[in-house]
């Protein structure tokens, strides 16, 4: 890169109309996003959906944290790139295998990064700073730029995942609405779902008899929608232990370990375990309601936490929270690698691994949103 190219990359020698145009576009997009979230919150408050409004506020807080992380990376990028380490330390725990040191020196500036290199300032200067000491930068500016992209992709996928969870969960409970109508109108219809009509009827009757004895026309469906919204508020955020998981995953994403592939099975195993537990609890509750009808002539439910692991229903919600975040994290990681390094990068591994991960990710998102979270909502209210 000659002196003229370096000057052209500096803001001092960039046309003002270019700077003004780019800033205007970014500001307009940001204001539109802010107004959209504002009016969405206003709409939710007008509909008196306080739980969803609080979930939206929590989502905005998470987006602010992600934005702050990205801002810190930008502010300290020169400081980070000036922190030098021995070159020998960079040959361990790599996501991709290096054929040789020469490839290591130039790989991060290949094909897709050609355009990136022209837009990043001081790459040569930062490399020279460490080169004079016989060392290499702790993290190059190109790598920091890739992290910025990943944070953006993670935010987008997390928002889409949360929206999908609420839409599918609401769709499942709206499906139960037909059972509400059939109970009141004595209209019989066959349904196939994780919660059968007979189980739903038994749980509903037990809940109303136990908690709303004087109000047989209690709107159980509307109540369940409120419960789902409240549970959604709990699973929409990114807690500290989830960030710990992200850092651990990045640490263990080493060439040859296939961490990305094997880790995709973790949420699936947890989801199957949680789903089986909830189905077991529903079966036991329905049986108890049937027994009370025979003994007392009316359905009764005795609230108890003994049906859950360690007598703590909240453990299941924590697991659902982890499953949804881990799944959205993996999908975000996939789209980030694809958009940044291309489909053929070694981080993607084999095509069979990629297809398997995507199928598992979609299956988990649909199953957890449409079945597991609504089941948790009804089980915890009846118990």
Protein backbone atom coordinates (compact mmCIF):
# COMPACT_ATOMS: atom_id res chain seq x y z
CA UNK A 1 0.00 0.00 0.00
CA UNK A 2 1.63 3.27 -1.15
CA UNK A 3 1.40 6.67 0.57
CA UNK A 4 -1.40 7.88 -1.72
CA UNK A 5 -3.60 4.89 -0.84
CA UNK A 6 -3.01 5.51 2.87
CA UNK A 7 -4.04 9.15 2.45
CA UNK A 8 -7.16 8.17 0.53
CA UNK A 9 -8.22 5.92 3.42
CA UNK A 10 -7.95 8.76 5.94
CA UNK A 11 -11.01 10.85 6.79
CA UNK A 12 -8.88 13.96 6.19
CA UNK A 13 -8.81 13.22 2.45
CA UNK A 14 -12.31 11.78 2.04
CA UNK A 15 -14.85 13.98 0.18
CA UNK A 16 -17.29 15.64 2.56
CA UNK A 17 -20.27 14.58 0.45
CA UNK A 18 -19.27 10.94 0.96
CA UNK A 19 -19.02 11.38 4.74
CA UNK A 20 -22.33 13.27 4.91
CA UNK A 21 -24.15 10.72 2.74
CA UNK A 22 -22.94 7.71 4.74
CA UNK A 23 -23.73 9.40 8.07
CA UNK A 24 -27.21 10.38 6.84
CA UNK A 25 -28.05 6.83 5.78
CA UNK A 26 -26.84 5.36 9.08
CA UNK A 27 -28.69 7.97 11.14
CA UNK A 28 -31.94 7.50 9.17
CA UNK A 29 -31.81 3.71 9.57
CA UNK A 30 -31.12 4.08 13.31
CA UNK A 31 -33.98 6.56 13.79
CA UNK A 32 -36.40 4.33 11.88
CA UNK A 33 -35.44 1.35 14.05
CA UNK A 34 -35.84 3.44 17.23
CA UNK A 35 -39.25 4.76 16.14
CA UNK A 36 -40.41 1.26 15.22
CA UNK A 37 -39.53 -0.05 18.68
CA UNK A 38 -41.15 3.00 20.30
CA UNK A 39 -44.47 2.56 18.48
CA UNK A 40 -44.37 -1.20 19.04
CA UNK A 41 -44.04 -0.56 22.78
CA UNK A 42 -46.84 2.03 22.62
CA UNK A 43 -49.06 -0.48 20.80
CA UNK A 44 -48.40 -3.16 23.43
CA UNK A 45 -49.23 -0.78 26.27
CA UNK A 46 -52.46 0.27 24.57
CA UNK A 47 -53.37 -3.42 24.29
CA UNK A 48 -52.48 -3.76 28.00
CA UNK A 49 -49.93 -6.47 27.23
CA UNK A 50 -47.57 -5.47 30.01
CA UNK A 51 -45.55 -8.70 29.95
CA UNK A 52 -44.80 -8.34 26.24
CA UNK A 53 -43.94 -4.67 26.80
CA UNK A 54 -41.47 -5.64 29.52
CA UNK A 55 -40.04 -8.32 27.21
CA UNK A 56 -39.56 -5.63 24.55
CA UNK A 57 -37.79 -3.41 27.08
CA UNK A 58 -35.49 -6.28 28.02
CA UNK A 59 -34.77 -6.95 24.35
CA UNK A 60 -33.87 -3.28 23.86
CA UNK A 61 -31.50 -3.53 26.83
CA UNK A 62 -29.80 -6.57 25.28
CA UNK A 63 -29.43 -4.75 21.96
CA UNK A 64 -27.91 -1.81 23.83
CA UNK A 65 -25.39 -4.13 25.49
CA UNK A 66 -24.44 -5.64 22.13
CA UNK A 67 -24.08 -2.15 20.68
CA UNK A 68 -21.92 -1.08 23.62
CA UNK A 69 -19.68 -4.13 23.15
CA UNK A 70 -19.28 -3.24 19.48
CA UNK A 71 -18.52 0.37 20.40
CA UNK A 72 -15.82 -0.72 22.86
CA UNK A 73 -14.21 -2.86 20.17
CA UNK A 74 -14.09 0.16 17.86
CA UNK A 75 -12.73 2.55 20.50
CA UNK A 76 -10.02 0.16 21.68
CA UNK A 77 -9.20 -1.45 18.33
CA UNK A 78 -5.87 0.37 17.98
CA UNK A 79 -4.93 -0.38 21.59
CA UNK A 80 -5.78 -4.07 21.11
CA UNK A 81 -3.88 -4.30 17.83
CA UNK A 82 -0.84 -2.63 19.45
CA UNK A 83 -0.74 -5.30 22.14
CA UNK A 84 1.92 -7.68 20.87
CA UNK A 85 2.52 -11.36 21.66
CA UNK A 86 5.18 -13.87 20.54
CA UNK A 87 4.35 -15.44 17.19
CA UNK A 88 4.72 -18.93 18.67
CA UNK A 89 1.61 -18.34 20.81
CA UNK A 90 -0.55 -17.93 17.70
CA UNK A 91 0.02 -21.51 16.48
CA UNK A 92 -2.12 -23.12 19.19
CA UNK A 93 -5.91 -23.65 19.45
CA UNK A 94 -6.68 -22.45 15.91
CA UNK A 95 -10.14 -22.82 14.30
CA UNK A 96 -8.39 -23.76 11.03
CA UNK A 97 -5.20 -25.69 10.41
CA UNK A 98 -2.31 -23.64 9.03
CA UNK A 99 -0.17 -25.22 6.27
CA UNK A 100 2.72 -22.93 7.24
CA UNK A 101 3.74 -19.63 8.82
CA UNK A 102 3.51 -17.81 5.50
CA UNK A 103 -0.15 -18.68 5.17
CA UNK A 104 -0.67 -17.53 8.74
CA UNK A 105 0.82 -14.15 7.94
CA UNK A 106 -1.47 -13.49 4.99
CA UNK A 107 -4.55 -15.66 5.37
CA UNK A 108 -6.66 -13.09 7.19
CA UNK A 109 -6.29 -10.73 4.19
CA UNK A 110 -7.41 -13.15 1.44
CA UNK A 111 -10.33 -13.08 -1.08
CA UNK A 112 -13.32 -11.73 0.91
CA UNK A 113 -11.15 -9.44 3.04
CA UNK A 114 -9.75 -7.55 0.04
CA UNK A 115 -12.52 -4.98 0.29
CA UNK A 116 -12.26 -4.94 4.07
CA UNK A 117 -8.54 -4.19 3.98
CA UNK A 118 -9.12 -1.02 1.98
CA UNK A 119 -11.56 0.29 4.55
CA UNK A 120 -9.61 -0.43 7.71
CA UNK A 121 -7.17 2.22 8.88
CA UNK A 122 -3.64 1.70 10.13
CA UNK A 123 -3.38 -2.00 9.29
CA UNK A 124 0.15 -1.62 8.05
CA UNK A 125 1.14 0.68 10.92
CA UNK A 126 -0.17 -1.69 13.58
CA UNK A 127 1.52 -4.68 11.99
CA UNK A 128 4.78 -2.73 11.78
CA UNK A 129 4.60 -1.80 15.46
CA UNK A 130 4.69 -5.44 16.52
CA UNK A 131 6.98 -6.49 13.69
CA UNK A 132 9.69 -4.19 15.02
CA UNK A 133 9.58 -6.20 18.26
CA UNK A 134 9.64 -9.53 16.43
CA UNK A 135 6.07 -10.21 17.55
CA UNK A 136 2.53 -10.19 16.14
CA UNK A 137 -0.63 -8.27 17.18
CA UNK A 138 -2.88 -9.90 19.78
CA UNK A 139 -5.83 -9.34 17.44
CA UNK A 140 -5.66 -7.71 14.02
CA UNK A 141 -8.01 -4.92 13.02
CA UNK A 142 -9.43 -7.21 10.34
CA UNK A 143 -10.31 -9.77 13.04
CA UNK A 144 -11.90 -7.02 15.14
CA UNK A 145 -13.96 -6.01 12.13
CA UNK A 146 -15.16 -9.61 11.81
CA UNK A 147 -16.21 -9.51 15.47
CA UNK A 148 -18.26 -6.38 14.77
CA UNK A 149 -20.08 -8.25 12.02
CA UNK A 150 -20.67 -11.20 14.32
CA UNK A 151 -22.19 -9.00 17.03
CA UNK A 152 -24.55 -7.49 14.46
CA UNK A 153 -25.56 -10.92 13.13
CA UNK A 154 -26.06 -12.22 16.69
CA UNK A 155 -28.36 -9.29 17.48
CA UNK A 156 -30.44 -9.81 14.32
CA UNK A 157 -30.76 -13.59 14.79
CA UNK A 158 -31.59 -13.16 18.49
CA UNK A 159 -34.41 -10.73 17.67
CA UNK A 160 -35.78 -13.03 14.94
CA UNK A 161 -35.54 -16.02 17.29
CA UNK A 162 -37.44 -14.18 20.04
CA UNK A 163 -40.15 -13.09 17.60
CA UNK A 164 -40.45 -16.65 16.26
CA UNK A 165 -40.75 -18.01 19.80
CA UNK A 166 -43.62 -15.70 20.67
CA UNK A 167 -45.42 -16.21 17.34
CA UNK A 168 -45.25 -20.01 17.46
CA UNK A 169 -46.06 -20.15 21.18
CA UNK A 170 -49.07 -17.91 20.66
CA UNK A 171 -50.17 -20.05 17.71
CA UNK A 172 -50.12 -23.16 19.89
CA UNK A 173 -52.21 -21.55 22.62
CA UNK A 174 -54.61 -20.12 20.02
CA UNK A 175 -55.04 -23.72 18.88
CA UNK A 176 -56.19 -24.52 22.41
CA UNK A 177 -58.84 -21.82 21.93
CA UNK A 178 -60.73 -24.23 19.69
CA UNK A 179 -60.89 -26.63 22.60
CA UNK A 180 -62.23 -23.83 24.79
CA UNK A 181 -65.02 -23.28 22.26
CA UNK A 182 -65.72 -26.99 21.97
CA UNK A 183 -65.95 -27.32 25.76
CA UNK A 184 -68.56 -24.57 25.90
CA UNK A 185 -70.46 -25.60 22.75
CA UNK A 186 -70.09 -29.40 23.15
CA UNK A 187 -68.52 -29.54 19.69
CA UNK A 188 -66.15 -32.51 19.27
CA UNK A 189 -63.11 -32.34 17.05
CA UNK A 190 -59.98 -34.48 16.72
CA UNK A 191 -56.65 -32.79 17.41
CA UNK A 192 -53.12 -34.09 17.18
CA UNK A 193 -50.61 -32.21 19.35
CA UNK A 194 -48.28 -32.51 22.30
CA UNK A 195 -51.25 -31.69 24.56
CA UNK A 196 -54.38 -33.73 23.84
CA UNK A 197 -57.87 -32.37 24.17
CA UNK A 198 -58.69 -34.70 27.06
CA UNK A 199 -55.59 -33.58 28.97
CA UNK A 200 -56.36 -29.93 28.29
CA UNK A 201 -59.97 -30.34 29.42
CA UNK A 202 -58.91 -32.10 32.63
CA UNK A 203 -56.25 -29.50 33.47
CA UNK A 204 -58.57 -26.62 32.67
CA UNK A 205 -61.37 -28.05 34.80
CA UNK A 206 -59.01 -28.74 37.68
CA UNK A 207 -57.59 -25.21 37.53
CA UNK A 208 -60.99 -23.50 37.43
CA UNK A 209 -62.40 -25.68 40.22
CA UNK A 210 -59.35 -25.04 42.43
CA UNK A 211 -58.73 -21.35 41.75
CA UNK A 212 -61.96 -19.97 40.24
CA UNK A 213 -64.72 -21.99 41.86
CA UNK A 214 -67.15 -19.08 41.79
CA UNK A 215 -66.46 -18.24 38.15
CA UNK A 216 -67.09 -21.28 35.90
CA UNK A 217 -66.94 -19.03 32.80
CA UNK A 218 -63.38 -17.94 33.57
CA UNK A 219 -61.49 -17.14 30.33
CA UNK A 220 -58.77 -19.75 30.72
CA UNK A 221 -57.41 -19.21 27.21
CA UNK A 222 -56.84 -15.49 27.76
CA UNK A 223 -55.18 -16.27 31.08
CA UNK A 224 -52.81 -18.76 29.39
CA UNK A 225 -51.82 -16.15 26.80
CA UNK A 226 -50.86 -13.81 29.66
CA UNK A 227 -48.84 -16.59 31.28
CA UNK A 228 -47.03 -17.31 28.00
CA UNK A 229 -46.19 -13.62 27.64
CA UNK A 230 -44.85 -13.59 31.20
CA UNK A 231 -42.67 -16.66 30.55
CA UNK A 232 -41.49 -15.16 27.26
CA UNK A 233 -40.31 -12.12 29.20
CA UNK A 234 -38.03 -14.42 31.20
CA UNK A 235 -36.44 -16.18 28.20
CA UNK A 236 -35.89 -13.17 25.94
CA UNK A 237 -32.80 -11.78 27.70
CA UNK A 238 -29.13 -12.77 27.59
CA UNK A 239 -27.92 -13.52 31.12
CA UNK A 240 -24.31 -13.52 32.30
CA UNK A 241 -24.05 -17.32 32.22
CA UNK A 242 -25.11 -17.27 28.56
CA UNK A 243 -22.27 -14.86 27.78
CA UNK A 244 -19.97 -17.26 29.63
CA UNK A 245 -21.19 -20.01 27.31
CA UNK A 246 -20.42 -17.85 24.24
CA UNK A 247 -16.85 -17.21 25.41
CA UNK A 248 -16.34 -20.91 26.26
CA UNK A 249 -17.58 -21.94 22.82
CA UNK A 250 -15.21 -19.52 21.09
CA UNK A 251 -12.36 -20.90 23.20
CA UNK A 252 -13.12 -24.52 22.30
CA UNK A 253 -13.80 -23.94 18.59
CA UNK A 254 -10.51 -25.65 17.71
CA UNK A 255 -9.65 -27.36 14.44
CA UNK A 256 -10.27 -31.10 14.59
CA UNK A 257 -12.51 -31.00 17.65
CA UNK A 258 -15.73 -30.43 15.64
CA UNK A 259 -17.07 -28.44 18.61
CA UNK A 260 -19.62 -26.60 16.49
CA UNK A 261 -21.11 -29.89 15.27
CA UNK A 262 -21.24 -31.75 18.59
CA UNK A 263 -22.50 -28.72 20.48
CA UNK A 264 -25.56 -28.54 18.22
CA UNK A 265 -26.81 -31.75 19.87
CA UNK A 266 -26.74 -30.24 23.39
CA UNK A 267 -29.93 -28.13 23.05
CA UNK A 268 -31.66 -31.02 21.27
CA UNK A 269 -30.90 -33.43 24.13
CA UNK A 270 -31.99 -30.85 26.72
CA UNK A 271 -35.15 -30.09 24.76
CA UNK A 272 -36.11 -33.77 24.55
CA UNK A 273 -35.48 -34.19 28.29
CA UNK A 274 -37.55 -31.11 29.18
CA UNK A 275 -40.35 -32.09 26.80
CA UNK A 276 -40.49 -35.63 28.18
CA UNK A 277 -40.61 -34.26 31.73
CA UNK A 278 -43.47 -31.88 30.92
CA UNK A 279 -45.42 -34.63 29.14
CA UNK A 280 -44.93 -36.87 32.17
CA UNK A 281 -46.19 -34.14 34.51
CA UNK A 282 -49.25 -33.52 32.31
CA UNK A 283 -50.10 -37.22 32.28
CA UNK A 284 -49.84 -37.46 36.08
CA UNK A 285 -51.94 -34.34 36.59
CA UNK A 286 -54.63 -35.56 34.20
CA UNK A 287 -54.74 -38.90 36.03
CA UNK A 288 -55.06 -37.15 39.40
CA UNK A 289 -57.89 -34.97 38.11
CA UNK A 290 -59.70 -38.08 36.83
CA UNK A 291 -59.26 -39.73 40.24
CA UNK A 292 -60.68 -36.72 42.09
CA UNK A 293 -63.72 -36.74 39.81
CA UNK A 294 -64.42 -40.34 40.80
CA UNK A 295 -63.86 -39.67 44.51
CA UNK A 296 -65.41 -36.21 44.94
CA UNK A 297 -67.60 -35.82 41.87
CA UNK A 298 -65.66 -32.77 40.66
CA UNK A 299 -62.18 -32.10 39.27
CA UNK A 300 -59.59 -30.92 41.78
CA UNK A 301 -55.92 -30.11 41.50
CA UNK A 302 -53.60 -29.92 44.49
CA UNK A 303 -50.76 -27.49 43.65
CA UNK A 304 -47.35 -29.09 44.28
CA UNK A 305 -43.79 -28.65 43.03
CA UNK A 306 -42.92 -32.29 43.66
CA UNK A 307 -43.56 -33.11 40.00
CA UNK A 308 -40.48 -31.11 38.93
CA UNK A 309 -36.76 -31.76 39.23
CA UNK A 310 -35.54 -30.89 42.75
CA UNK A 311 -39.05 -29.50 43.42
CA UNK A 312 -38.13 -26.39 41.42
CA UNK A 313 -40.25 -25.57 38.33
CA UNK A 314 -37.92 -22.67 37.55
CA UNK A 315 -35.16 -25.08 36.50
CA UNK A 316 -37.17 -25.99 33.40
CA UNK A 317 -37.58 -22.33 32.45
CA UNK A 318 -33.81 -21.81 32.85
CA UNK A 319 -33.22 -24.78 30.53
CA UNK A 320 -35.70 -23.44 27.97
CA UNK A 321 -33.93 -20.06 28.14
CA UNK A 322 -30.56 -21.73 27.55
CA UNK A 323 -31.93 -23.89 24.71
CA UNK A 324 -33.39 -20.93 22.82
CA UNK A 325 -30.31 -18.75 23.25
CA UNK A 326 -27.84 -21.51 22.41
CA UNK A 327 -29.80 -22.34 19.29
CA UNK A 328 -29.97 -18.72 18.13
CA UNK A 329 -26.26 -18.36 18.93
CA UNK A 330 -25.38 -21.33 16.71
CA UNK A 331 -27.55 -20.07 13.85
CA UNK A 332 -25.97 -16.62 14.19
CA UNK A 333 -22.50 -18.19 14.19
CA UNK A 334 -23.33 -20.09 11.00
CA UNK A 335 -24.63 -17.01 9.14
CA UNK A 336 -21.68 -14.95 10.36
CA UNK A 337 -19.11 -17.45 9.08
CA UNK A 338 -21.00 -17.79 5.80
CA UNK A 339 -21.24 -14.02 5.20
CA UNK A 340 -17.71 -13.22 6.37
CA UNK A 341 -15.52 -16.10 5.18
CA UNK A 342 -17.71 -17.88 2.64
CA UNK A 343 -19.25 -21.34 2.48
CA UNK A 344 -15.96 -23.11 1.74
CA UNK A 345 -14.05 -21.94 4.80
CA UNK A 346 -12.55 -24.62 7.03
CA UNK A 347 -14.60 -23.36 9.99
CA UNK A 348 -17.73 -24.61 8.22
CA UNK A 349 -16.26 -28.13 8.11
CA UNK A 350 -17.99 -30.76 5.94
CA UNK A 351 -21.29 -30.23 4.11
CA UNK A 352 -22.88 -33.10 6.05
CA UNK A 353 -22.09 -31.33 9.33
CA UNK A 354 -23.57 -28.07 8.04
CA UNK A 355 -26.84 -29.61 6.87
CA UNK A 356 -27.21 -31.56 10.12
CA UNK A 357 -26.67 -28.42 12.23
CA UNK A 358 -29.21 -26.40 10.24
CA UNK A 359 -31.86 -29.13 10.44
CA UNK A 360 -31.31 -29.51 14.19
CA UNK A 361 -31.42 -25.73 14.68
CA UNK A 362 -34.71 -25.30 12.83
CA UNK A 363 -36.22 -28.34 14.58
CA UNK A 364 -35.25 -26.99 18.01
CA UNK A 365 -36.63 -23.51 17.29
CA UNK A 366 -40.00 -24.82 16.11
CA UNK A 367 -40.38 -27.55 18.73
CA UNK A 368 -39.34 -25.38 21.68
CA UNK A 369 -41.47 -22.41 20.60
CA UNK A 370 -44.56 -24.28 19.45
CA UNK A 371 -44.65 -27.07 22.01
CA UNK A 372 -42.28 -26.89 24.98
CA UNK A 373 -42.80 -23.29 26.15
CA UNK A 374 -46.64 -23.44 25.93
CA UNK A 375 -46.57 -26.78 27.78
CA UNK A 376 -44.46 -25.21 30.52
CA UNK A 377 -46.94 -22.33 30.76
CA UNK A 378 -49.97 -24.54 31.37
CA UNK A 379 -48.18 -27.06 33.61
CA UNK A 380 -46.78 -24.46 36.01
CA UNK A 381 -50.19 -22.82 36.42
CA UNK A 382 -52.01 -26.06 37.17
CA UNK A 383 -49.36 -27.44 39.54
